[in-house]
Amino acid sequence: MDVRSLSESLFTGRKWMKFVGVVLILYGICLALTILGTVIAWLPIWSGITLIQSAVAIEKAYISDDAAALMMSLSKLKTHFVIISTLLLLMLTSMAVWLFAFDGVEVIANAIKSL
């Protein structure tokens, strides 16, 4: 198979990849404005940058039938998913700490009772 046919599905979604990349960067910037967010704000920013880089590389791969650009795009996409997974694990861990260390379960239970 040629590079163009292999990269076609990612090429058609490149605008969404760029959009999500920009949204992640803006989210990271907003997160950096909070005290606790400054610790992890670099993760969504980095993830957004790698997603945009992947979209640019897939565009190059599709247009010029460049195998190296396809490999670069897939590598950046892998990095994006690793970063997002790390961010998700941090968020789930912090939620668990809040629930158990700060009586978050009781707060949620009281909120449900008041409904």
PDB file of N, CA and C in Angstrom:
ATOM      1  N   MET A   1       0.846  -1.194   0.000  1.00  0.00           N
ATOM      2  CA  MET A   1       0.000   0.000   0.000  1.00  0.00           C
ATOM      3  C   MET A   1       0.882   1.245   0.000  1.00  0.00           C
ATOM      4  N   ASP A   2       0.383   2.261  -0.638  1.00  0.00           N
ATOM      5  CA  ASP A   2       1.135   3.510  -0.663  1.00  0.00           C
ATOM      6  C   ASP A   2       0.796   4.365   0.554  1.00  0.00           C
ATOM      7  N   VAL A   3       1.630   5.336   0.800  1.00  0.00           N
ATOM      8  CA  VAL A   3       1.494   6.202   1.977  1.00  0.00           C
ATOM      9  C   VAL A   3       0.188   6.981   1.924  1.00  0.00           C
ATOM     10  N   ARG A   4      -0.202   7.400   0.748  1.00  0.00           N
ATOM     11  CA  ARG A   4      -1.420   8.204   0.610  1.00  0.00           C
ATOM     12  C   ARG A   4      -2.651   7.432   1.092  1.00  0.00           C
ATOM     13  N   SER A   5      -2.772   6.183   0.708  1.00  0.00           N
ATOM     14  CA  SER A   5      -3.936   5.409   1.132  1.00  0.00           C
ATOM     15  C   SER A   5      -3.865   5.065   2.628  1.00  0.00           C
ATOM     16  N   LEU A   6      -2.661   4.864   3.154  1.00  0.00           N
ATOM     17  CA  LEU A   6      -2.503   4.583   4.585  1.00  0.00           C
ATOM     18  C   LEU A   6      -2.835   5.799   5.449  1.00  0.00           C
ATOM     19  N   SER A   7      -2.546   6.970   4.953  1.00  0.00           N
ATOM     20  CA  SER A   7      -2.729   8.184   5.755  1.00  0.00           C
ATOM     21  C   SER A   7      -4.062   8.883   5.505  1.00  0.00           C
ATOM     22  N   GLU A   8      -4.883   8.326   4.631  1.00  0.00           N
ATOM     23  CA  GLU A   8      -6.121   9.010   4.236  1.00  0.00           C
ATOM     24  C   GLU A   8      -7.084   9.258   5.393  1.00  0.00           C
ATOM     25  N   SER A   9      -7.297   8.266   6.265  1.00  0.00           N
ATOM     26  CA  SER A   9      -8.257   8.458   7.354  1.00  0.00           C
ATOM     27  C   SER A   9      -7.795   9.523   8.343  1.00  0.00           C
ATOM     28  N   LEU A  10      -6.497   9.548   8.650  1.00  0.00           N
ATOM     29  CA  LEU A  10      -5.994  10.615   9.525  1.00  0.00           C
ATOM     30  C   LEU A  10      -6.012  11.963   8.818  1.00  0.00           C
ATOM     31  N   PHE A  11      -5.744  11.948   7.505  1.00  0.00           N
ATOM     32  CA  PHE A  11      -5.755  13.199   6.740  1.00  0.00           C
ATOM     33  C   PHE A  11      -7.143  13.833   6.761  1.00  0.00           C
ATOM     34  N   THR A  12      -8.188  13.016   6.653  1.00  0.00           N
ATOM     35  CA  THR A  12      -9.543  13.577   6.660  1.00  0.00           C
ATOM     36  C   THR A  12      -9.925  14.136   8.033  1.00  0.00           C
ATOM     37  N   GLY A  13      -9.269  13.648   9.094  1.00  0.00           N
ATOM     38  CA  GLY A  13      -9.557  14.159  10.432  1.00  0.00           C
ATOM     39  C   GLY A  13      -8.569  15.185  10.937  1.00  0.00           C
ATOM     40  N   ARG A  14      -7.692  15.668  10.063  1.00  0.00           N
ATOM     41  CA  ARG A  14      -6.628  16.578  10.500  1.00  0.00           C
ATOM     42  C   ARG A  14      -7.162  17.891  11.065  1.00  0.00           C
ATOM     43  N   LYS A  15      -8.282  18.393  10.529  1.00  0.00           N
ATOM     44  CA  LYS A  15      -8.835  19.659  11.048  1.00  0.00           C
ATOM     45  C   LYS A  15      -9.325  19.471  12.483  1.00  0.00           C
ATOM     46  N   TRP A  16      -9.927  18.316  12.768  1.00  0.00           N
ATOM     47  CA  TRP A  16     -10.362  18.033  14.130  1.00  0.00           C
ATOM     48  C   TRP A  16      -9.171  17.877  15.061  1.00  0.00           C
ATOM     49  N   MET A  17      -8.109  17.264  14.546  1.00  0.00           N
ATOM     50  CA  MET A  17      -6.893  17.118  15.360  1.00  0.00           C
ATOM     51  C   MET A  17      -6.332  18.489  15.729  1.00  0.00           C
ATOM     52  N   LYS A  18      -6.312  19.394  14.768  1.00  0.00           N
ATOM     53  CA  LYS A  18      -5.815  20.749  15.042  1.00  0.00           C
ATOM     54  C   LYS A  18      -6.728  21.474  16.019  1.00  0.00           C
ATOM     55  N   PHE A  19      -8.044  21.314  15.838  1.00  0.00           N
ATOM     56  CA  PHE A  19      -9.000  21.970  16.729  1.00  0.00           C
ATOM     57  C   PHE A  19      -8.842  21.481  18.168  1.00  0.00           C
ATOM     58  N   VAL A  20      -8.789  20.169  18.351  1.00  0.00           N
ATOM     59  CA  VAL A  20      -8.623  19.607  19.693  1.00  0.00           C
ATOM     60  C   VAL A  20      -7.274  20.022  20.280  1.00  0.00           C
ATOM     61  N   GLY A  21      -6.240  20.102  19.434  1.00  0.00           N
ATOM     62  CA  GLY A  21      -4.937  20.562  19.893  1.00  0.00           C
ATOM     63  C   GLY A  21      -4.983  21.984  20.430  1.00  0.00           C
ATOM     64  N   VAL A  22      -5.659  22.860  19.713  1.00  0.00           N
ATOM     65  CA  VAL A  22      -5.795  24.253  20.158  1.00  0.00           C
ATOM     66  C   VAL A  22      -6.598  24.319  21.451  1.00  0.00           C
ATOM     67  N   VAL A  23      -7.681  23.545  21.535  1.00  0.00           N
ATOM     68  CA  VAL A  23      -8.501  23.531  22.754  1.00  0.00           C
ATOM     69  C   VAL A  23      -7.681  23.034  23.950  1.00  0.00           C
ATOM     70  N   LEU A  24      -6.863  22.011  23.745  1.00  0.00           N
ATOM     71  CA  LEU A  24      -6.015  21.514  24.828  1.00  0.00           C
ATOM     72  C   LEU A  24      -5.004  22.566  25.279  1.00  0.00           C
ATOM     73  N   ILE A  25      -4.444  23.301  24.337  1.00  0.00           N
ATOM     74  CA  ILE A  25      -3.498  24.361  24.696  1.00  0.00           C
ATOM     75  C   ILE A  25      -4.209  25.448  25.495  1.00  0.00           C
ATOM     76  N   LEU A  26      -5.397  25.852  25.052  1.00  0.00           N
ATOM     77  CA  LEU A  26      -6.163  26.871  25.786  1.00  0.00           C
ATOM     78  C   LEU A  26      -6.563  26.362  27.175  1.00  0.00           C
ATOM     79  N   TYR A  27      -6.919  25.083  27.266  1.00  0.00           N
ATOM     80  CA  TYR A  27      -7.242  24.482  28.567  1.00  0.00           C
ATOM     81  C   TYR A  27      -6.032  24.525  29.499  1.00  0.00           C
ATOM     82  N   GLY A  28      -4.869  24.200  28.958  1.00  0.00           N
ATOM     83  CA  GLY A  28      -3.646  24.245  29.757  1.00  0.00           C
ATOM     84  C   GLY A  28      -3.334  25.651  30.249  1.00  0.00           C
ATOM     85  N   ILE A  29      -3.560  26.631  29.392  1.00  0.00           N
ATOM     86  CA  ILE A  29      -3.330  28.029  29.782  1.00  0.00           C
ATOM     87  C   ILE A  29      -4.287  28.424  30.903  1.00  0.00           C
ATOM     88  N   CYS A  30      -5.564  28.059  30.771  1.00  0.00           N
ATOM     89  CA  CYS A  30      -6.538  28.357  31.827  1.00  0.00           C
ATOM     90  C   CYS A  30      -6.179  27.625  33.120  1.00  0.00           C
ATOM     91  N   LEU A  31      -5.729  26.409  32.990  1.00  0.00           N
ATOM     92  CA  LEU A  31      -5.327  25.621  34.153  1.00  0.00           C
ATOM     93  C   LEU A  31      -4.125  26.254  34.861  1.00  0.00           C
ATOM     94  N   ALA A  32      -3.236  26.841  34.077  1.00  0.00           N
ATOM     95  CA  ALA A  32      -2.043  27.472  34.649  1.00  0.00           C
ATOM     96  C   ALA A  32      -2.389  28.704  35.477  1.00  0.00           C
ATOM     97  N   LEU A  33      -3.576  29.248  35.293  1.00  0.00           N
ATOM     98  CA  LEU A  33      -3.988  30.426  36.049  1.00  0.00           C
ATOM     99  C   LEU A  33      -4.432  30.100  37.471  1.00  0.00           C
ATOM    100  N   THR A  34      -4.606  28.802  37.768  1.00  0.00           N
ATOM    101  CA  THR A  34      -4.985  28.395  39.117  1.00  0.00           C
ATOM    102  C   THR A  34      -3.736  27.966  39.882  1.00  0.00           C
ATOM    103  N   ILE A  35      -3.844  27.950  41.182  1.00  0.00           N
ATOM    104  CA  ILE A  35      -2.683  27.621  42.014  1.00  0.00           C
ATOM    105  C   ILE A  35      -2.273  26.159  41.827  1.00  0.00           C
ATOM    106  N   LEU A  36      -3.217  25.243  41.992  1.00  0.00           N
ATOM    107  CA  LEU A  36      -2.896  23.827  41.849  1.00  0.00           C
ATOM    108  C   LEU A  36      -2.687  23.433  40.386  1.00  0.00           C
ATOM    109  N   GLY A  37      -3.323  24.154  39.482  1.00  0.00           N
ATOM    110  CA  GLY A  37      -3.217  23.835  38.068  1.00  0.00           C
ATOM    111  C   GLY A  37      -1.847  24.079  37.477  1.00  0.00           C
ATOM    112  N   THR A  38      -1.058  24.944  38.129  1.00  0.00           N
ATOM    113  CA  THR A  38       0.275  25.229  37.596  1.00  0.00           C
ATOM    114  C   THR A  38       1.162  23.988  37.597  1.00  0.00           C
ATOM    115  N   VAL A  39       0.851  23.027  38.465  1.00  0.00           N
ATOM    116  CA  VAL A  39       1.651  21.809  38.558  1.00  0.00           C
ATOM    117  C   VAL A  39       1.463  20.923  37.318  1.00  0.00           C
ATOM    118  N   ILE A  40       0.235  20.848  36.808  1.00  0.00           N
ATOM    119  CA  ILE A  40      -0.041  19.939  35.691  1.00  0.00           C
ATOM    120  C   ILE A  40      -0.430  20.646  34.396  1.00  0.00           C
ATOM    121  N   ALA A  41      -0.386  21.965  34.369  1.00  0.00           N
ATOM    122  CA  ALA A  41      -0.831  22.707  33.187  1.00  0.00           C
ATOM    123  C   ALA A  41      -0.006  22.393  31.945  1.00  0.00           C
ATOM    124  N   TRP A  42       1.230  21.981  32.126  1.00  0.00           N
ATOM    125  CA  TRP A  42       2.085  21.695  30.977  1.00  0.00           C
ATOM    126  C   TRP A  42       1.651  20.447  30.233  1.00  0.00           C
ATOM    127  N   LEU A  43       0.924  19.535  30.892  1.00  0.00           N
ATOM    128  CA  LEU A  43       0.504  18.300  30.228  1.00  0.00           C
ATOM    129  C   LEU A  43      -0.490  18.538  29.089  1.00  0.00           C
ATOM    130  N   PRO A  44      -1.602  19.265  29.318  1.00  0.00           N
ATOM    131  CA  PRO A  44      -2.495  19.500  28.177  1.00  0.00           C
ATOM    132  C   PRO A  44      -1.873  20.404  27.104  1.00  0.00           C
ATOM    133  N   ILE A  45      -1.002  21.322  27.510  1.00  0.00           N
ATOM    134  CA  ILE A  45      -0.332  22.168  26.521  1.00  0.00           C
ATOM    135  C   ILE A  45       0.570  21.316  25.638  1.00  0.00           C
ATOM    136  N   TRP A  46       1.368  20.455  26.243  1.00  0.00           N
ATOM    137  CA  TRP A  46       2.258  19.571  25.497  1.00  0.00           C
ATOM    138  C   TRP A  46       1.453  18.620  24.602  1.00  0.00           C
ATOM    139  N   SER A  47       0.359  18.106  25.142  1.00  0.00           N
ATOM    140  CA  SER A  47      -0.488  17.202  24.375  1.00  0.00           C
ATOM    141  C   SER A  47      -1.096  17.911  23.162  1.00  0.00           C
ATOM    142  N   GLY A  48      -1.541  19.134  23.359  1.00  0.00           N
ATOM    143  CA  GLY A  48      -2.098  19.908  22.249  1.00  0.00           C
ATOM    144  C   GLY A  48      -1.066  20.181  21.168  1.00  0.00           C
ATOM    145  N   ILE A  49       0.146  20.491  21.591  1.00  0.00           N
ATOM    146  CA  ILE A  49       1.217  20.751  20.627  1.00  0.00           C
ATOM    147  C   ILE A  49       1.529  19.494  19.824  1.00  0.00           C
ATOM    148  N   THR A  50       1.621  18.350  20.488  1.00  0.00           N
ATOM    149  CA  THR A  50       1.930  17.113  19.757  1.00  0.00           C
ATOM    150  C   THR A  50       0.800  16.725  18.809  1.00  0.00           C
ATOM    151  N   LEU A  51      -0.446  17.018  19.188  1.00  0.00           N
ATOM    152  CA  LEU A  51      -1.572  16.712  18.308  1.00  0.00           C
ATOM    153  C   LEU A  51      -1.549  17.597  17.063  1.00  0.00           C
ATOM    154  N   ILE A  52      -1.232  18.862  17.235  1.00  0.00           N
ATOM    155  CA  ILE A  52      -1.118  19.758  16.083  1.00  0.00           C
ATOM    156  C   ILE A  52       0.053  19.334  15.193  1.00  0.00           C
ATOM    157  N   GLN A  53       1.179  18.960  15.815  1.00  0.00           N
ATOM    158  CA  GLN A  53       2.321  18.485  15.031  1.00  0.00           C
ATOM    159  C   GLN A  53       1.969  17.222  14.249  1.00  0.00           C
ATOM    160  N   SER A  54       1.192  16.346  14.839  1.00  0.00           N
ATOM    161  CA  SER A  54       0.762  15.133  14.159  1.00  0.00           C
ATOM    162  C   SER A  54      -0.115  15.475  12.957  1.00  0.00           C
ATOM    163  N   ALA A  55      -1.021  16.433  13.127  1.00  0.00           N
ATOM    164  CA  ALA A  55      -1.900  16.836  12.022  1.00  0.00           C
ATOM    165  C   ALA A  55      -1.102  17.445  10.875  1.00  0.00           C
ATOM    166  N   VAL A  56      -0.108  18.264  11.204  1.00  0.00           N
ATOM    167  CA  VAL A  56       0.733  18.877  10.170  1.00  0.00           C
ATOM    168  C   VAL A  56       1.539  17.802   9.439  1.00  0.00           C
ATOM    169  N   ALA A  57       2.067  16.841  10.183  1.00  0.00           N
ATOM    170  CA  ALA A  57       2.865  15.778   9.575  1.00  0.00           C
ATOM    171  C   ALA A  57       2.011  14.869   8.696  1.00  0.00           C
ATOM    172  N   ILE A  58       0.776  14.591   9.106  1.00  0.00           N
ATOM    173  CA  ILE A  58      -0.083  13.731   8.296  1.00  0.00           C
ATOM    174  C   ILE A  58      -0.495  14.446   7.018  1.00  0.00           C
ATOM    175  N   GLU A  59      -0.647  15.755   7.105  1.00  0.00           N
ATOM    176  CA  GLU A  59      -0.940  16.551   5.910  1.00  0.00           C
ATOM    177  C   GLU A  59       0.217  16.443   4.915  1.00  0.00           C
ATOM    178  N   LYS A  60       1.419  16.566   5.418  1.00  0.00           N
ATOM    179  CA  LYS A  60       2.610  16.453   4.574  1.00  0.00           C
ATOM    180  C   LYS A  60       2.716  15.049   3.983  1.00  0.00           C
ATOM    181  N   ALA A  61       2.456  14.040   4.806  1.00  0.00           N
ATOM    182  CA  ALA A  61       2.545  12.654   4.342  1.00  0.00           C
ATOM    183  C   ALA A  61       1.544  12.379   3.232  1.00  0.00           C
ATOM    184  N   TYR A  62       0.333  12.879   3.377  1.00  0.00           N
ATOM    185  CA  TYR A  62      -0.716  12.626   2.394  1.00  0.00           C
ATOM    186  C   TYR A  62      -0.443  13.359   1.086  1.00  0.00           C
ATOM    187  N   ILE A  63      -0.063  14.621   1.201  1.00  0.00           N
ATOM    188  CA  ILE A  63       0.141  15.433  -0.005  1.00  0.00           C
ATOM    189  C   ILE A  63       1.373  14.997  -0.781  1.00  0.00           C
ATOM    190  N   SER A  64       2.476  14.731  -0.083  1.00  0.00           N
ATOM    191  CA  SER A  64       3.732  14.424  -0.779  1.00  0.00           C
ATOM    192  C   SER A  64       4.069  12.937  -0.812  1.00  0.00           C
ATOM    193  N   ASP A  65       3.154  12.083  -0.316  1.00  0.00           N
ATOM    194  CA  ASP A  65       3.371  10.640  -0.293  1.00  0.00           C
ATOM    195  C   ASP A  65       4.682  10.291   0.422  1.00  0.00           C
ATOM    196  N   ASP A  66       4.875  10.934   1.601  1.00  0.00           N
ATOM    197  CA  ASP A  66       6.125  10.845   2.348  1.00  0.00           C
ATOM    198  C   ASP A  66       5.973   9.878   3.522  1.00  0.00           C
ATOM    199  N   ALA A  67       6.667   8.755   3.459  1.00  0.00           N
ATOM    200  CA  ALA A  67       6.585   7.736   4.509  1.00  0.00           C
ATOM    201  C   ALA A  67       7.171   8.226   5.830  1.00  0.00           C
ATOM    202  N   ALA A  68       8.234   9.015   5.758  1.00  0.00           N
ATOM    203  CA  ALA A  68       8.851   9.538   6.986  1.00  0.00           C
ATOM    204  C   ALA A  68       7.888  10.467   7.724  1.00  0.00           C
ATOM    205  N   ALA A  69       7.139  11.264   6.978  1.00  0.00           N
ATOM    206  CA  ALA A  69       6.158  12.160   7.597  1.00  0.00           C
ATOM    207  C   ALA A  69       5.022  11.364   8.231  1.00  0.00           C
ATOM    208  N   LEU A  70       4.637  10.260   7.598  1.00  0.00           N
ATOM    209  CA  LEU A  70       3.608   9.395   8.176  1.00  0.00           C
ATOM    210  C   LEU A  70       4.095   8.806   9.497  1.00  0.00           C
ATOM    211  N   MET A  71       5.334   8.344   9.528  1.00  0.00           N
ATOM    212  CA  MET A  71       5.906   7.798  10.758  1.00  0.00           C
ATOM    213  C   MET A  71       5.997   8.873  11.845  1.00  0.00           C
ATOM    214  N   MET A  72       6.362  10.083  11.459  1.00  0.00           N
ATOM    215  CA  MET A  72       6.434  11.197  12.417  1.00  0.00           C
ATOM    216  C   MET A  72       5.044  11.492  12.982  1.00  0.00           C
ATOM    217  N   SER A  73       4.041  11.495  12.115  1.00  0.00           N
ATOM    218  CA  SER A  73       2.673  11.757  12.553  1.00  0.00           C
ATOM    219  C   SER A  73       2.203  10.706  13.545  1.00  0.00           C
ATOM    220  N   LEU A  74       2.449   9.451  13.235  1.00  0.00           N
ATOM    221  CA  LEU A  74       2.036   8.380  14.132  1.00  0.00           C
ATOM    222  C   LEU A  74       2.798   8.417  15.453  1.00  0.00           C
ATOM    223  N   SER A  75       4.061   8.794  15.394  1.00  0.00           N
ATOM    224  CA  SER A  75       4.858   8.930  16.609  1.00  0.00           C
ATOM    225  C   SER A  75       4.316  10.054  17.500  1.00  0.00           C
ATOM    226  N   LYS A  76       3.971  11.176  16.896  1.00  0.00           N
ATOM    227  CA  LYS A  76       3.401  12.301  17.658  1.00  0.00           C
ATOM    228  C   LYS A  76       2.034  11.929  18.221  1.00  0.00           C
ATOM    229  N   LEU A  77       1.262  11.162  17.453  1.00  0.00           N
ATOM    230  CA  LEU A  77      -0.045  10.729  17.920  1.00  0.00           C
ATOM    231  C   LEU A  77       0.091   9.795  19.124  1.00  0.00           C
ATOM    232  N   LYS A  78       1.083   8.911  19.092  1.00  0.00           N
ATOM    233  CA  LYS A  78       1.362   8.025  20.224  1.00  0.00           C
ATOM    234  C   LYS A  78       1.728   8.848  21.459  1.00  0.00           C
ATOM    235  N   THR A  79       2.583   9.848  21.263  1.00  0.00           N
ATOM    236  CA  THR A  79       2.976  10.718  22.375  1.00  0.00           C
ATOM    237  C   THR A  79       1.760  11.426  22.965  1.00  0.00           C
ATOM    238  N   HIS A  80       0.867  11.885  22.096  1.00  0.00           N
ATOM    239  CA  HIS A  80      -0.363  12.546  22.548  1.00  0.00           C
ATOM    240  C   HIS A  80      -1.169  11.623  23.456  1.00  0.00           C
ATOM    241  N   PHE A  81      -1.348  10.376  23.042  1.00  0.00           N
ATOM    242  CA  PHE A  81      -2.139   9.441  23.844  1.00  0.00           C
ATOM    243  C   PHE A  81      -1.451   9.081  25.156  1.00  0.00           C
ATOM    244  N   VAL A  82      -0.144   9.009  25.168  1.00  0.00           N
ATOM    245  CA  VAL A  82       0.583   8.746  26.416  1.00  0.00           C
ATOM    246  C   VAL A  82       0.386   9.917  27.383  1.00  0.00           C
ATOM    247  N   ILE A  83       0.469  11.136  26.876  1.00  0.00           N
ATOM    248  CA  ILE A  83       0.297  12.322  27.729  1.00  0.00           C
ATOM    249  C   ILE A  83      -1.128  12.397  28.259  1.00  0.00           C
ATOM    250  N   ILE A  84      -2.115  12.170  27.394  1.00  0.00           N
ATOM    251  CA  ILE A  84      -3.513  12.216  27.818  1.00  0.00           C
ATOM    252  C   ILE A  84      -3.782  11.128  28.859  1.00  0.00           C
ATOM    253  N   SER A  85      -3.209   9.951  28.665  1.00  0.00           N
ATOM    254  CA  SER A  85      -3.380   8.870  29.645  1.00  0.00           C
ATOM    255  C   SER A  85      -2.778   9.255  30.992  1.00  0.00           C
ATOM    256  N   THR A  86      -1.618   9.881  30.967  1.00  0.00           N
ATOM    257  CA  THR A  86      -0.985  10.340  32.202  1.00  0.00           C
ATOM    258  C   THR A  86      -1.849  11.388  32.891  1.00  0.00           C
ATOM    259  N   LEU A  87      -2.382  12.321  32.123  1.00  0.00           N
ATOM    260  CA  LEU A  87      -3.259  13.351  32.676  1.00  0.00           C
ATOM    261  C   LEU A  87      -4.518  12.731  33.274  1.00  0.00           C
ATOM    262  N   LEU A  88      -5.079  11.761  32.591  1.00  0.00           N
ATOM    263  CA  LEU A  88      -6.266  11.077  33.094  1.00  0.00           C
ATOM    264  C   LEU A  88      -5.975  10.345  34.403  1.00  0.00           C
ATOM    265  N   LEU A  89      -4.836   9.665  34.479  1.00  0.00           N
ATOM    266  CA  LEU A  89      -4.462   8.986  35.717  1.00  0.00           C
ATOM    267  C   LEU A  89      -4.265   9.965  36.868  1.00  0.00           C
ATOM    268  N   LEU A  90      -3.647  11.110  36.575  1.00  0.00           N
ATOM    269  CA  LEU A  90      -3.475  12.134  37.612  1.00  0.00           C
ATOM    270  C   LEU A  90      -4.824  12.664  38.094  1.00  0.00           C
ATOM    271  N   MET A  91      -5.745  12.876  37.168  1.00  0.00           N
ATOM    272  CA  MET A  91      -7.068  13.381  37.541  1.00  0.00           C
ATOM    273  C   MET A  91      -7.833  12.358  38.374  1.00  0.00           C
ATOM    274  N   LEU A  92      -7.793  11.091  37.969  1.00  0.00           N
ATOM    275  CA  LEU A  92      -8.480  10.054  38.733  1.00  0.00           C
ATOM    276  C   LEU A  92      -7.870   9.872  40.116  1.00  0.00           C
ATOM    277  N   THR A  93      -6.549   9.941  40.198  1.00  0.00           N
ATOM    278  CA  THR A  93      -5.870   9.824  41.486  1.00  0.00           C
ATOM    279  C   THR A  93      -6.234  10.982  42.406  1.00  0.00           C
ATOM    280  N   SER A  94      -6.226  12.193  41.860  1.00  0.00           N
ATOM    281  CA  SER A  94      -6.565  13.358  42.690  1.00  0.00           C
ATOM    282  C   SER A  94      -8.022  13.300  43.137  1.00  0.00           C
ATOM    283  N   MET A  95      -8.906  12.778  42.296  1.00  0.00           N
ATOM    284  CA  MET A  95     -10.304  12.637  42.693  1.00  0.00           C
ATOM    285  C   MET A  95     -10.440  11.610  43.816  1.00  0.00           C
ATOM    286  N   ALA A  96      -9.705  10.515  43.715  1.00  0.00           N
ATOM    287  CA  ALA A  96      -9.752   9.490  44.767  1.00  0.00           C
ATOM    288  C   ALA A  96      -9.216  10.039  46.079  1.00  0.00           C
ATOM    289  N   VAL A  97      -8.142  10.799  46.013  1.00  0.00           N
ATOM    290  CA  VAL A  97      -7.582  11.411  47.228  1.00  0.00           C
ATOM    291  C   VAL A  97      -8.598  12.358  47.844  1.00  0.00           C
ATOM    292  N   TRP A  98      -9.251  13.158  47.023  1.00  0.00           N
ATOM    293  CA  TRP A  98     -10.255  14.094  47.536  1.00  0.00           C
ATOM    294  C   TRP A  98     -11.411  13.349  48.179  1.00  0.00           C
ATOM    295  N   LEU A  99     -11.875  12.284  47.527  1.00  0.00           N
ATOM    296  CA  LEU A  99     -13.018  11.539  48.054  1.00  0.00           C
ATOM    297  C   LEU A  99     -12.725  10.904  49.414  1.00  0.00           C
ATOM    298  N   PHE A 100     -11.543  10.353  49.558  1.00  0.00           N
ATOM    299  CA  PHE A 100     -11.251   9.616  50.790  1.00  0.00           C
ATOM    300  C   PHE A 100     -10.555  10.453  51.861  1.00  0.00           C
ATOM    301  N   ALA A 101      -9.728  11.373  51.474  1.00  0.00           N
ATOM    302  CA  ALA A 101      -8.980  12.145  52.468  1.00  0.00           C
ATOM    303  C   ALA A 101      -9.777  13.319  53.015  1.00  0.00           C
ATOM    304  N   PHE A 102     -10.650  13.875  52.225  1.00  0.00           N
ATOM    305  CA  PHE A 102     -11.362  15.084  52.644  1.00  0.00           C
ATOM    306  C   PHE A 102     -12.859  14.860  52.781  1.00  0.00           C
ATOM    307  N   ASP A 103     -13.251  13.644  53.067  1.00  0.00           N
ATOM    308  CA  ASP A 103     -14.660  13.302  53.278  1.00  0.00           C
ATOM    309  C   ASP A 103     -15.538  13.709  52.102  1.00  0.00           C
ATOM    310  N   GLY A 104     -15.006  13.569  50.930  1.00  0.00           N
ATOM    311  CA  GLY A 104     -15.782  13.897  49.731  1.00  0.00           C
ATOM    312  C   GLY A 104     -16.972  12.985  49.547  1.00  0.00           C
ATOM    313  N   VAL A 105     -16.865  11.751  50.015  1.00  0.00           N
ATOM    314  CA  VAL A 105     -17.977  10.811  49.907  1.00  0.00           C
ATOM    315  C   VAL A 105     -19.159  11.322  50.718  1.00  0.00           C
ATOM    316  N   GLU A 106     -18.865  11.826  51.900  1.00  0.00           N
ATOM    317  CA  GLU A 106     -19.933  12.347  52.764  1.00  0.00           C
ATOM    318  C   GLU A 106     -20.566  13.594  52.141  1.00  0.00           C
ATOM    319  N   VAL A 107     -19.762  14.443  51.550  1.00  0.00           N
ATOM    320  CA  VAL A 107     -20.283  15.649  50.896  1.00  0.00           C
ATOM    321  C   VAL A 107     -21.212  15.265  49.759  1.00  0.00           C
ATOM    322  N   ILE A 108     -20.808  14.294  48.957  1.00  0.00           N
ATOM    323  CA  ILE A 108     -21.638  13.856  47.832  1.00  0.00           C
ATOM    324  C   ILE A 108     -22.924  13.205  48.338  1.00  0.00           C
ATOM    325  N   ALA A 109     -22.802  12.378  49.377  1.00  0.00           N
ATOM    326  CA  ALA A 109     -23.985  11.720  49.944  1.00  0.00           C
ATOM    327  C   ALA A 109     -24.974  12.750  50.491  1.00  0.00           C
ATOM    328  N   ASN A 110     -24.497  13.777  51.169  1.00  0.00           N
ATOM    329  CA  ASN A 110     -25.377  14.830  51.695  1.00  0.00           C
ATOM    330  C   ASN A 110     -26.028  15.609  50.566  1.00  0.00           C
ATOM    331  N   ALA A 111     -25.279  15.836  49.490  1.00  0.00           N
ATOM    332  CA  ALA A 111     -25.848  16.558  48.352  1.00  0.00           C
ATOM    333  C   ALA A 111     -26.960  15.749  47.705  1.00  0.00           C
ATOM    334  N   ILE A 112     -26.779  14.438  47.623  1.00  0.00           N
ATOM    335  CA  ILE A 112     -27.805  13.572  47.035  1.00  0.00           C
ATOM    336  C   ILE A 112     -29.032  13.516  47.927  1.00  0.00           C
ATOM    337  N   LYS A 113     -28.826  13.472  49.253  1.00  0.00           N
ATOM    338  CA  LYS A 113     -29.952  13.447  50.186  1.00  0.00           C
ATOM    339  C   LYS A 113     -30.789  14.710  50.098  1.00  0.00           C
ATOM    340  N   SER A 114     -30.133  15.836  49.860  1.00  0.00           N
ATOM    341  CA  SER A 114     -30.863  17.110  49.827  1.00  0.00           C
ATOM    342  C   SER A 114     -31.689  17.268  48.557  1.00  0.00           C
ATOM    343  N   LEU A 115     -31.478  16.402  47.600  1.00  0.00           N
ATOM    344  CA  LEU A 115     -32.276  16.461  46.364  1.00  0.00           C
ATOM    345  C   LEU A 115     -33.622  15.917  46.670  1.00  0.00           C
TER     346      LEU A 115
END
